[in-house]
Amino acid sequence: MKKILYTDFVGTSEIIAEMLENKEIKKAMTRSNLYKFWGKVAGAKFASKSKPYSMIGGGVMIIACENSIVAQELMLKKTQLLVKFKPYLESLKINVKDLKFDAKKWTI
């Protein structure tokens, strides 16, 4: 019986490095990292009642809110939230110009 040797395997580090070259994967990872900071930016009161939902063109981040009351309160604090977000945005090199709060996007 002939012995078969497999020597041309690709290592996981090479696969991961190749995946990180993909612009869409880089973008998704950066956004995911940004979304993790929402609790710090929004504060304890709103962290459990709102969460980042998506990004749309023009640097607009959609925030899903538990209800319209939460959306309204966050809307009134939008300028303060953008100021708090600024250091995280700069470190991740993301451009967020506006926040849009939407109670319809909320899922448990």
PDB file of N, CA and C in Angstrom:
ATOM      1  N   MET A   1       0.846  -1.178   0.000  1.00  0.00           N
ATOM      2  CA  MET A   1       0.000   0.000   0.000  1.00  0.00           C
ATOM      3  C   MET A   1       0.893   1.244   0.000  1.00  0.00           C
ATOM      4  N   LYS A   2       0.534   2.198  -0.841  1.00  0.00           N
ATOM      5  CA  LYS A   2       1.326   3.410  -0.979  1.00  0.00           C
ATOM      6  C   LYS A   2       0.923   4.424   0.086  1.00  0.00           C
ATOM      7  N   LYS A   3       1.915   5.000   0.730  1.00  0.00           N
ATOM      8  CA  LYS A   3       1.682   5.994   1.770  1.00  0.00           C
ATOM      9  C   LYS A   3       1.561   7.376   1.128  1.00  0.00           C
ATOM     10  N   ILE A   4       0.490   8.091   1.471  1.00  0.00           N
ATOM     11  CA  ILE A   4       0.269   9.417   0.906  1.00  0.00           C
ATOM     12  C   ILE A   4       0.649  10.463   1.945  1.00  0.00           C
ATOM     13  N   LEU A   5       1.496  11.381   1.561  1.00  0.00           N
ATOM     14  CA  LEU A   5       1.915  12.456   2.454  1.00  0.00           C
ATOM     15  C   LEU A   5       1.285  13.764   1.990  1.00  0.00           C
ATOM     16  N   TYR A   6       0.640  14.427   2.917  1.00  0.00           N
ATOM     17  CA  TYR A   6       0.047  15.728   2.621  1.00  0.00           C
ATOM     18  C   TYR A   6       0.929  16.802   3.243  1.00  0.00           C
ATOM     19  N   THR A   7       1.653  17.484   2.414  1.00  0.00           N
ATOM     20  CA  THR A   7       2.591  18.473   2.944  1.00  0.00           C
ATOM     21  C   THR A   7       2.271  19.891   2.524  1.00  0.00           C
ATOM     22  N   ASP A   8       1.280  20.076   1.687  1.00  0.00           N
ATOM     23  CA  ASP A   8       0.993  21.423   1.213  1.00  0.00           C
ATOM     24  C   ASP A   8      -0.245  22.027   1.887  1.00  0.00           C
ATOM     25  N   PHE A   9      -0.415  21.724   3.156  1.00  0.00           N
ATOM     26  CA  PHE A   9      -1.516  22.312   3.898  1.00  0.00           C
ATOM     27  C   PHE A   9      -1.273  23.799   4.115  1.00  0.00           C
ATOM     28  N   VAL A  10      -2.343  24.539   4.166  1.00  0.00           N
ATOM     29  CA  VAL A  10      -2.258  25.957   4.461  1.00  0.00           C
ATOM     30  C   VAL A  10      -2.560  26.128   5.944  1.00  0.00           C
ATOM     31  N   GLY A  11      -1.688  26.822   6.652  1.00  0.00           N
ATOM     32  CA  GLY A  11      -1.867  27.031   8.082  1.00  0.00           C
ATOM     33  C   GLY A  11      -2.988  28.004   8.390  1.00  0.00           C
ATOM     34  N   THR A  12      -3.531  27.887   9.585  1.00  0.00           N
ATOM     35  CA  THR A  12      -4.629  28.782   9.970  1.00  0.00           C
ATOM     36  C   THR A  12      -4.185  30.238   9.990  1.00  0.00           C
ATOM     37  N   SER A  13      -2.949  30.496  10.369  1.00  0.00           N
ATOM     38  CA  SER A  13      -2.481  31.880  10.395  1.00  0.00           C
ATOM     39  C   SER A  13      -2.468  32.475   8.987  1.00  0.00           C
ATOM     40  N   GLU A  14      -2.138  31.658   7.989  1.00  0.00           N
ATOM     41  CA  GLU A  14      -2.158  32.131   6.602  1.00  0.00           C
ATOM     42  C   GLU A  14      -3.589  32.392   6.141  1.00  0.00           C
ATOM     43  N   ILE A  15      -4.509  31.529   6.538  1.00  0.00           N
ATOM     44  CA  ILE A  15      -5.916  31.703   6.164  1.00  0.00           C
ATOM     45  C   ILE A  15      -6.472  32.976   6.786  1.00  0.00           C
ATOM     46  N   ILE A  16      -6.177  33.187   8.068  1.00  0.00           N
ATOM     47  CA  ILE A  16      -6.660  34.384   8.760  1.00  0.00           C
ATOM     48  C   ILE A  16      -6.059  35.638   8.139  1.00  0.00           C
ATOM     49  N   ALA A  17      -4.771  35.601   7.840  1.00  0.00           N
ATOM     50  CA  ALA A  17      -4.123  36.760   7.214  1.00  0.00           C
ATOM     51  C   ALA A  17      -4.766  37.075   5.870  1.00  0.00           C
ATOM     52  N   GLU A  18      -5.096  36.045   5.107  1.00  0.00           N
ATOM     53  CA  GLU A  18      -5.745  36.251   3.816  1.00  0.00           C
ATOM     54  C   GLU A  18      -7.154  36.826   3.989  1.00  0.00           C
ATOM     55  N   MET A  19      -7.869  36.351   5.000  1.00  0.00           N
ATOM     56  CA  MET A  19      -9.218  36.861   5.262  1.00  0.00           C
ATOM     57  C   MET A  19      -9.168  38.331   5.669  1.00  0.00           C
ATOM     58  N   LEU A  20      -8.161  38.704   6.437  1.00  0.00           N
ATOM     59  CA  LEU A  20      -8.047  40.083   6.891  1.00  0.00           C
ATOM     60  C   LEU A  20      -7.692  41.044   5.767  1.00  0.00           C
ATOM     61  N   GLU A  21      -7.255  40.502   4.649  1.00  0.00           N
ATOM     62  CA  GLU A  21      -6.983  41.334   3.475  1.00  0.00           C
ATOM     63  C   GLU A  21      -8.295  41.790   2.813  1.00  0.00           C
ATOM     64  N   ASN A  22      -9.365  41.027   3.019  1.00  0.00           N
ATOM     65  CA  ASN A  22     -10.659  41.330   2.429  1.00  0.00           C
ATOM     66  C   ASN A  22     -11.231  42.605   3.048  1.00  0.00           C
ATOM     67  N   LYS A  23     -11.545  43.591   2.219  1.00  0.00           N
ATOM     68  CA  LYS A  23     -12.032  44.887   2.713  1.00  0.00           C
ATOM     69  C   LYS A  23     -13.346  44.768   3.455  1.00  0.00           C
ATOM     70  N   GLU A  24     -14.236  43.907   2.989  1.00  0.00           N
ATOM     71  CA  GLU A  24     -15.541  43.760   3.641  1.00  0.00           C
ATOM     72  C   GLU A  24     -15.397  43.156   5.039  1.00  0.00           C
ATOM     73  N   ILE A  25     -14.505  42.215   5.186  1.00  0.00           N
ATOM     74  CA  ILE A  25     -14.277  41.610   6.503  1.00  0.00           C
ATOM     75  C   ILE A  25     -13.636  42.625   7.440  1.00  0.00           C
ATOM     76  N   LYS A  26     -12.686  43.400   6.927  1.00  0.00           N
ATOM     77  CA  LYS A  26     -12.069  44.456   7.740  1.00  0.00           C
ATOM     78  C   LYS A  26     -13.117  45.450   8.221  1.00  0.00           C
ATOM     79  N   LYS A  27     -13.999  45.852   7.308  1.00  0.00           N
ATOM     80  CA  LYS A  27     -15.040  46.817   7.640  1.00  0.00           C
ATOM     81  C   LYS A  27     -15.979  46.252   8.711  1.00  0.00           C
ATOM     82  N   ALA A  28     -16.373  44.996   8.554  1.00  0.00           N
ATOM     83  CA  ALA A  28     -17.274  44.361   9.516  1.00  0.00           C
ATOM     84  C   ALA A  28     -16.628  44.242  10.894  1.00  0.00           C
ATOM     85  N   MET A  29     -15.353  43.906  10.939  1.00  0.00           N
ATOM     86  CA  MET A  29     -14.655  43.786  12.232  1.00  0.00           C
ATOM     87  C   MET A  29     -14.515  45.145  12.903  1.00  0.00           C
ATOM     88  N   THR A  30     -14.219  46.169  12.112  1.00  0.00           N
ATOM     89  CA  THR A  30     -14.082  47.514  12.672  1.00  0.00           C
ATOM     90  C   THR A  30     -15.410  47.998  13.239  1.00  0.00           C
ATOM     91  N   ARG A  31     -16.482  47.783  12.499  1.00  0.00           N
ATOM     92  CA  ARG A  31     -17.804  48.178  12.988  1.00  0.00           C
ATOM     93  C   ARG A  31     -18.187  47.403  14.237  1.00  0.00           C
ATOM     94  N   SER A  32     -17.874  46.123  14.252  1.00  0.00           N
ATOM     95  CA  SER A  32     -18.172  45.304  15.431  1.00  0.00           C
ATOM     96  C   SER A  32     -17.442  45.843  16.651  1.00  0.00           C
ATOM     97  N   ASN A  33     -16.189  46.223  16.478  1.00  0.00           N
ATOM     98  CA  ASN A  33     -15.426  46.818  17.585  1.00  0.00           C
ATOM     99  C   ASN A  33     -16.052  48.132  18.036  1.00  0.00           C
ATOM    100  N   LEU A  34     -16.487  48.930  17.084  1.00  0.00           N
ATOM    101  CA  LEU A  34     -17.117  50.201  17.424  1.00  0.00           C
ATOM    102  C   LEU A  34     -18.408  49.969  18.216  1.00  0.00           C
ATOM    103  N   TYR A  35     -19.198  48.999  17.795  1.00  0.00           N
ATOM    104  CA  TYR A  35     -20.470  48.715  18.456  1.00  0.00           C
ATOM    105  C   TYR A  35     -20.267  48.306  19.918  1.00  0.00           C
ATOM    106  N   LYS A  36     -19.128  47.706  20.210  1.00  0.00           N
ATOM    107  CA  LYS A  36     -18.845  47.284  21.594  1.00  0.00           C
ATOM    108  C   LYS A  36     -18.707  48.479  22.540  1.00  0.00           C
ATOM    109  N   PHE A  37     -18.383  49.641  22.001  1.00  0.00           N
ATOM    110  CA  PHE A  37     -18.204  50.827  22.839  1.00  0.00           C
ATOM    111  C   PHE A  37     -19.513  51.552  23.137  1.00  0.00           C
ATOM    112  N   TRP A  38     -20.612  51.124  22.550  1.00  0.00           N
ATOM    113  CA  TRP A  38     -21.878  51.829  22.726  1.00  0.00           C
ATOM    114  C   TRP A  38     -22.271  51.945  24.199  1.00  0.00           C
ATOM    115  N   GLY A  39     -22.075  50.896  24.963  1.00  0.00           N
ATOM    116  CA  GLY A  39     -22.432  50.926  26.392  1.00  0.00           C
ATOM    117  C   GLY A  39     -21.702  52.019  27.149  1.00  0.00           C
ATOM    118  N   LYS A  40     -20.439  52.234  26.824  1.00  0.00           N
ATOM    119  CA  LYS A  40     -19.662  53.286  27.476  1.00  0.00           C
ATOM    120  C   LYS A  40     -20.131  54.669  27.040  1.00  0.00           C
ATOM    121  N   VAL A  41     -20.487  54.789  25.788  1.00  0.00           N
ATOM    122  CA  VAL A  41     -20.911  56.078  25.250  1.00  0.00           C
ATOM    123  C   VAL A  41     -22.312  56.440  25.743  1.00  0.00           C
ATOM    124  N   ALA A  42     -23.225  55.481  25.687  1.00  0.00           N
ATOM    125  CA  ALA A  42     -24.616  55.744  26.050  1.00  0.00           C
ATOM    126  C   ALA A  42     -24.827  55.811  27.559  1.00  0.00           C
ATOM    127  N   GLY A  43     -23.979  55.148  28.307  1.00  0.00           N
ATOM    128  CA  GLY A  43     -24.141  55.118  29.759  1.00  0.00           C
ATOM    129  C   GLY A  43     -24.998  53.936  30.191  1.00  0.00           C
ATOM    130  N   ALA A  44     -24.952  53.640  31.475  1.00  0.00           N
ATOM    131  CA  ALA A  44     -25.638  52.470  32.011  1.00  0.00           C
ATOM    132  C   ALA A  44     -27.151  52.531  31.795  1.00  0.00           C
ATOM    133  N   LYS A  45     -27.713  53.713  31.900  1.00  0.00           N
ATOM    134  CA  LYS A  45     -29.161  53.872  31.757  1.00  0.00           C
ATOM    135  C   LYS A  45     -29.658  53.427  30.385  1.00  0.00           C
ATOM    136  N   PHE A  46     -28.917  53.740  29.339  1.00  0.00           N
ATOM    137  CA  PHE A  46     -29.364  53.455  27.975  1.00  0.00           C
ATOM    138  C   PHE A  46     -28.695  52.241  27.337  1.00  0.00           C
ATOM    139  N   ALA A  47     -27.651  51.717  27.951  1.00  0.00           N
ATOM    140  CA  ALA A  47     -26.923  50.596  27.351  1.00  0.00           C
ATOM    141  C   ALA A  47     -27.800  49.365  27.163  1.00  0.00           C
ATOM    142  N   SER A  48     -28.711  49.125  28.101  1.00  0.00           N
ATOM    143  CA  SER A  48     -29.573  47.948  28.001  1.00  0.00           C
ATOM    144  C   SER A  48     -30.848  48.224  27.195  1.00  0.00           C
ATOM    145  N   LYS A  49     -31.108  49.483  26.902  1.00  0.00           N
ATOM    146  CA  LYS A  49     -32.340  49.850  26.203  1.00  0.00           C
ATOM    147  C   LYS A  49     -32.088  50.272  24.760  1.00  0.00           C
ATOM    148  N   SER A  50     -30.840  50.228  24.331  1.00  0.00           N
ATOM    149  CA  SER A  50     -30.495  50.596  22.959  1.00  0.00           C
ATOM    150  C   SER A  50     -29.228  49.855  22.552  1.00  0.00           C
ATOM    151  N   LYS A  51     -29.072  49.687  21.240  1.00  0.00           N
ATOM    152  CA  LYS A  51     -27.867  49.024  20.735  1.00  0.00           C
ATOM    153  C   LYS A  51     -27.655  49.419  19.274  1.00  0.00           C
ATOM    154  N   PRO A  52     -26.405  49.487  18.856  1.00  0.00           N
ATOM    155  CA  PRO A  52     -26.127  49.794  17.455  1.00  0.00           C
ATOM    156  C   PRO A  52     -26.733  48.725  16.553  1.00  0.00           C
ATOM    157  N   TYR A  53     -27.331  49.167  15.475  1.00  0.00           N
ATOM    158  CA  TYR A  53     -28.011  48.251  14.563  1.00  0.00           C
ATOM    159  C   TYR A  53     -27.251  48.117  13.242  1.00  0.00           C
ATOM    160  N   SER A  54     -26.894  49.247  12.645  1.00  0.00           N
ATOM    161  CA  SER A  54     -26.176  49.197  11.369  1.00  0.00           C
ATOM    162  C   SER A  54     -25.601  50.571  11.039  1.00  0.00           C
ATOM    163  N   MET A  55     -24.885  50.602   9.929  1.00  0.00           N
ATOM    164  CA  MET A  55     -24.355  51.850   9.391  1.00  0.00           C
ATOM    165  C   MET A  55     -24.932  52.012   7.989  1.00  0.00           C
ATOM    166  N   ILE A  56     -25.286  53.255   7.652  1.00  0.00           N
ATOM    167  CA  ILE A  56     -25.743  53.530   6.300  1.00  0.00           C
ATOM    168  C   ILE A  56     -24.843  54.607   5.699  1.00  0.00           C
ATOM    169  N   GLY A  57     -25.013  54.860   4.437  1.00  0.00           N
ATOM    170  CA  GLY A  57     -24.169  55.810   3.729  1.00  0.00           C
ATOM    171  C   GLY A  57     -24.127  57.186   4.365  1.00  0.00           C
ATOM    172  N   GLY A  58     -23.041  57.867   4.153  1.00  0.00           N
ATOM    173  CA  GLY A  58     -22.879  59.215   4.673  1.00  0.00           C
ATOM    174  C   GLY A  58     -22.461  59.258   6.136  1.00  0.00           C
ATOM    175  N   GLY A  59     -22.021  58.131   6.683  1.00  0.00           N
ATOM    176  CA  GLY A  59     -21.559  58.106   8.073  1.00  0.00           C
ATOM    177  C   GLY A  59     -22.680  58.187   9.092  1.00  0.00           C
ATOM    178  N   VAL A  60     -23.808  57.543   8.814  1.00  0.00           N
ATOM    179  CA  VAL A  60     -24.943  57.553   9.738  1.00  0.00           C
ATOM    180  C   VAL A  60     -25.046  56.183  10.408  1.00  0.00           C
ATOM    181  N   MET A  61     -25.018  56.186  11.734  1.00  0.00           N
ATOM    182  CA  MET A  61     -25.165  54.953  12.497  1.00  0.00           C
ATOM    183  C   MET A  61     -26.609  54.845  12.989  1.00  0.00           C
ATOM    184  N   ILE A  62     -27.226  53.694  12.721  1.00  0.00           N
ATOM    185  CA  ILE A  62     -28.587  53.437  13.171  1.00  0.00           C
ATOM    186  C   ILE A  62     -28.509  52.769  14.543  1.00  0.00           C
ATOM    187  N   ILE A  63     -29.240  53.329  15.497  1.00  0.00           N
ATOM    188  CA  ILE A  63     -29.295  52.779  16.849  1.00  0.00           C
ATOM    189  C   ILE A  63     -30.706  52.248  17.084  1.00  0.00           C
ATOM    190  N   ALA A  64     -30.806  50.955  17.377  1.00  0.00           N
ATOM    191  CA  ALA A  64     -32.105  50.360  17.698  1.00  0.00           C
ATOM    192  C   ALA A  64     -32.432  50.688  19.151  1.00  0.00           C
ATOM    193  N   CYS A  65     -33.653  51.129  19.389  1.00  0.00           N
ATOM    194  CA  CYS A  65     -34.083  51.532  20.732  1.00  0.00           C
ATOM    195  C   CYS A  65     -35.265  50.675  21.172  1.00  0.00           C
ATOM    196  N   GLU A  66     -35.324  50.424  22.469  1.00  0.00           N
ATOM    197  CA  GLU A  66     -36.373  49.582  23.036  1.00  0.00           C
ATOM    198  C   GLU A  66     -37.773  50.131  22.746  1.00  0.00           C
ATOM    199  N   ASN A  67     -37.912  51.449  22.812  1.00  0.00           N
ATOM    200  CA  ASN A  67     -39.208  52.076  22.528  1.00  0.00           C
ATOM    201  C   ASN A  67     -38.968  53.518  22.083  1.00  0.00           C
ATOM    202  N   SER A  68     -40.038  54.182  21.718  1.00  0.00           N
ATOM    203  CA  SER A  68     -39.903  55.541  21.190  1.00  0.00           C
ATOM    204  C   SER A  68     -39.466  56.542  22.255  1.00  0.00           C
ATOM    205  N   ILE A  69     -39.732  56.253  23.512  1.00  0.00           N
ATOM    206  CA  ILE A  69     -39.307  57.151  24.595  1.00  0.00           C
ATOM    207  C   ILE A  69     -37.784  57.164  24.692  1.00  0.00           C
ATOM    208  N   VAL A  70     -37.184  55.980  24.635  1.00  0.00           N
ATOM    209  CA  VAL A  70     -35.722  55.870  24.659  1.00  0.00           C
ATOM    210  C   VAL A  70     -35.132  56.573  23.437  1.00  0.00           C
ATOM    211  N   ALA A  71     -35.748  56.355  22.278  1.00  0.00           N
ATOM    212  CA  ALA A  71     -35.270  56.998  21.049  1.00  0.00           C
ATOM    213  C   ALA A  71     -35.307  58.522  21.189  1.00  0.00           C
ATOM    214  N   GLN A  72     -36.363  59.040  21.767  1.00  0.00           N
ATOM    215  CA  GLN A  72     -36.490  60.496  21.934  1.00  0.00           C
ATOM    216  C   GLN A  72     -35.439  61.029  22.910  1.00  0.00           C
ATOM    217  N   GLU A  73     -35.237  60.343  24.023  1.00  0.00           N
ATOM    218  CA  GLU A  73     -34.231  60.791  24.996  1.00  0.00           C
ATOM    219  C   GLU A  73     -32.838  60.785  24.380  1.00  0.00           C
ATOM    220  N   LEU A  74     -32.533  59.740  23.623  1.00  0.00           N
ATOM    221  CA  LEU A  74     -31.222  59.675  22.978  1.00  0.00           C
ATOM    222  C   LEU A  74     -31.086  60.745  21.902  1.00  0.00           C
ATOM    223  N   MET A  75     -32.169  61.031  21.214  1.00  0.00           N
ATOM    224  CA  MET A  75     -32.147  62.087  20.192  1.00  0.00           C
ATOM    225  C   MET A  75     -31.767  63.422  20.821  1.00  0.00           C
ATOM    226  N   LEU A  76     -32.283  63.683  22.015  1.00  0.00           N
ATOM    227  CA  LEU A  76     -31.963  64.933  22.703  1.00  0.00           C
ATOM    228  C   LEU A  76     -30.498  64.979  23.150  1.00  0.00           C
ATOM    229  N   LYS A  77     -29.877  63.809  23.320  1.00  0.00           N
ATOM    230  CA  LYS A  77     -28.474  63.733  23.752  1.00  0.00           C
ATOM    231  C   LYS A  77     -27.522  63.452  22.595  1.00  0.00           C
ATOM    232  N   LYS A  78     -28.007  63.550  21.362  1.00  0.00           N
ATOM    233  CA  LYS A  78     -27.209  63.157  20.202  1.00  0.00           C
ATOM    234  C   LYS A  78     -25.851  63.864  20.134  1.00  0.00           C
ATOM    235  N   THR A  79     -25.828  65.148  20.329  1.00  0.00           N
ATOM    236  CA  THR A  79     -24.568  65.901  20.251  1.00  0.00           C
ATOM    237  C   THR A  79     -23.581  65.408  21.297  1.00  0.00           C
ATOM    238  N   GLN A  80     -24.063  65.190  22.508  1.00  0.00           N
ATOM    239  CA  GLN A  80     -23.195  64.688  23.580  1.00  0.00           C
ATOM    240  C   GLN A  80     -22.682  63.288  23.253  1.00  0.00           C
ATOM    241  N   LEU A  81     -23.544  62.453  22.688  1.00  0.00           N
ATOM    242  CA  LEU A  81     -23.130  61.094  22.326  1.00  0.00           C
ATOM    243  C   LEU A  81     -22.054  61.115  21.251  1.00  0.00           C
ATOM    244  N   LEU A  82     -22.202  61.980  20.262  1.00  0.00           N
ATOM    245  CA  LEU A  82     -21.193  62.070  19.204  1.00  0.00           C
ATOM    246  C   LEU A  82     -19.848  62.541  19.760  1.00  0.00           C
ATOM    247  N   VAL A  83     -19.879  63.448  20.722  1.00  0.00           N
ATOM    248  CA  VAL A  83     -18.639  63.917  21.349  1.00  0.00           C
ATOM    249  C   VAL A  83     -17.976  62.770  22.118  1.00  0.00           C
ATOM    250  N   LYS A  84     -18.766  61.990  22.844  1.00  0.00           N
ATOM    251  CA  LYS A  84     -18.221  60.843  23.591  1.00  0.00           C
ATOM    252  C   LYS A  84     -17.687  59.773  22.645  1.00  0.00           C
ATOM    253  N   PHE A  85     -18.310  59.633  21.491  1.00  0.00           N
ATOM    254  CA  PHE A  85     -17.901  58.630  20.507  1.00  0.00           C
ATOM    255  C   PHE A  85     -16.598  58.998  19.810  1.00  0.00           C
ATOM    256  N   LYS A  86     -16.283  60.278  19.760  1.00  0.00           N
ATOM    257  CA  LYS A  86     -15.159  60.773  18.954  1.00  0.00           C
ATOM    258  C   LYS A  86     -13.827  60.038  19.200  1.00  0.00           C
ATOM    259  N   PRO A  87     -13.386  59.823  20.447  1.00  0.00           N
ATOM    260  CA  PRO A  87     -12.104  59.121  20.629  1.00  0.00           C
ATOM    261  C   PRO A  87     -12.114  57.694  20.061  1.00  0.00           C
ATOM    262  N   TYR A  88     -13.231  57.006  20.203  1.00  0.00           N
ATOM    263  CA  TYR A  88     -13.339  55.645  19.667  1.00  0.00           C
ATOM    264  C   TYR A  88     -13.334  55.661  18.146  1.00  0.00           C
ATOM    265  N   LEU A  89     -14.020  56.628  17.575  1.00  0.00           N
ATOM    266  CA  LEU A  89     -14.071  56.751  16.120  1.00  0.00           C
ATOM    267  C   LEU A  89     -12.690  57.044  15.546  1.00  0.00           C
ATOM    268  N   GLU A  90     -11.956  57.920  16.220  1.00  0.00           N
ATOM    269  CA  GLU A  90     -10.616  58.273  15.738  1.00  0.00           C
ATOM    270  C   GLU A  90      -9.670  57.080  15.833  1.00  0.00           C
ATOM    271  N   SER A  91      -9.756  56.320  16.927  1.00  0.00           N
ATOM    272  CA  SER A  91      -8.846  55.181  17.092  1.00  0.00           C
ATOM    273  C   SER A  91      -9.138  54.076  16.073  1.00  0.00           C
ATOM    274  N   LEU A  92     -10.413  53.929  15.690  1.00  0.00           N
ATOM    275  CA  LEU A  92     -10.780  52.904  14.715  1.00  0.00           C
ATOM    276  C   LEU A  92     -10.809  53.438  13.284  1.00  0.00           C
ATOM    277  N   LYS A  93     -10.581  54.738  13.143  1.00  0.00           N
ATOM    278  CA  LYS A  93     -10.579  55.402  11.827  1.00  0.00           C
ATOM    279  C   LYS A  93     -11.908  55.200  11.092  1.00  0.00           C
ATOM    280  N   ILE A  94     -12.991  55.475  11.826  1.00  0.00           N
ATOM    281  CA  ILE A  94     -14.334  55.400  11.262  1.00  0.00           C
ATOM    282  C   ILE A  94     -14.933  56.791  11.284  1.00  0.00           C
ATOM    283  N   ASN A  95     -15.706  57.100  10.271  1.00  0.00           N
ATOM    284  CA  ASN A  95     -16.346  58.400  10.171  1.00  0.00           C
ATOM    285  C   ASN A  95     -17.842  58.252  10.447  1.00  0.00           C
ATOM    286  N   VAL A  96     -18.288  58.695  11.615  1.00  0.00           N
ATOM    287  CA  VAL A  96     -19.709  58.719  11.944  1.00  0.00           C
ATOM    288  C   VAL A  96     -20.088  60.179  12.147  1.00  0.00           C
ATOM    289  N   LYS A  97     -20.968  60.668  11.280  1.00  0.00           N
ATOM    290  CA  LYS A  97     -21.369  62.073  11.334  1.00  0.00           C
ATOM    291  C   LYS A  97     -22.698  62.275  12.047  1.00  0.00           C
ATOM    292  N   ASP A  98     -23.516  61.213  12.076  1.00  0.00           N
ATOM    293  CA  ASP A  98     -24.855  61.374  12.637  1.00  0.00           C
ATOM    294  C   ASP A  98     -25.330  60.058  13.238  1.00  0.00           C
ATOM    295  N   LEU A  99     -26.256  60.163  14.175  1.00  0.00           N
ATOM    296  CA  LEU A  99     -26.887  59.003  14.788  1.00  0.00           C
ATOM    297  C   LEU A  99     -28.382  59.081  14.511  1.00  0.00           C
ATOM    298  N   LYS A 100     -28.952  57.960  14.132  1.00  0.00           N
ATOM    299  CA  LYS A 100     -30.392  57.891  13.894  1.00  0.00           C
ATOM    300  C   LYS A 100     -30.953  56.836  14.847  1.00  0.00           C
ATOM    301  N   PHE A 101     -31.976  57.198  15.598  1.00  0.00           N
ATOM    302  CA  PHE A 101     -32.547  56.316  16.601  1.00  0.00           C
ATOM    303  C   PHE A 101     -33.871  55.769  16.100  1.00  0.00           C
ATOM    304  N   ASP A 102     -34.006  54.443  16.140  1.00  0.00           N
ATOM    305  CA  ASP A 102     -35.176  53.807  15.549  1.00  0.00           C
ATOM    306  C   ASP A 102     -35.713  52.718  16.477  1.00  0.00           C
ATOM    307  N   ALA A 103     -36.936  52.893  16.963  1.00  0.00           N
ATOM    308  CA  ALA A 103     -37.566  51.908  17.850  1.00  0.00           C
ATOM    309  C   ALA A 103     -38.062  50.697  17.058  1.00  0.00           C
ATOM    310  N   LYS A 104     -38.261  50.830  15.773  1.00  0.00           N
ATOM    311  CA  LYS A 104     -38.761  49.719  14.953  1.00  0.00           C
ATOM    312  C   LYS A 104     -37.718  48.633  14.738  1.00  0.00           C
ATOM    313  N   LYS A 105     -36.454  48.960  14.905  1.00  0.00           N
ATOM    314  CA  LYS A 105     -35.378  48.007  14.665  1.00  0.00           C
ATOM    315  C   LYS A 105     -35.086  47.121  15.883  1.00  0.00           C
ATOM    316  N   TRP A 106     -35.723  47.387  16.999  1.00  0.00           N
ATOM    317  CA  TRP A 106     -35.424  46.677  18.258  1.00  0.00           C
ATOM    318  C   TRP A 106     -35.878  45.222  18.184  1.00  0.00           C
ATOM    319  N   THR A 107     -34.974  44.309  18.526  1.00  0.00           N
ATOM    320  CA  THR A 107     -35.281  42.899  18.682  1.00  0.00           C
ATOM    321  C   THR A 107     -34.666  42.430  19.986  1.00  0.00           C
ATOM    322  N   ILE A 108     -35.294  41.487  20.605  1.00  0.00           N
ATOM    323  CA  ILE A 108     -34.810  40.997  21.907  1.00  0.00           C
ATOM    324  C   ILE A 108     -33.696  40.011  21.725  1.00  0.00           C
TER     325      ILE A 108
END
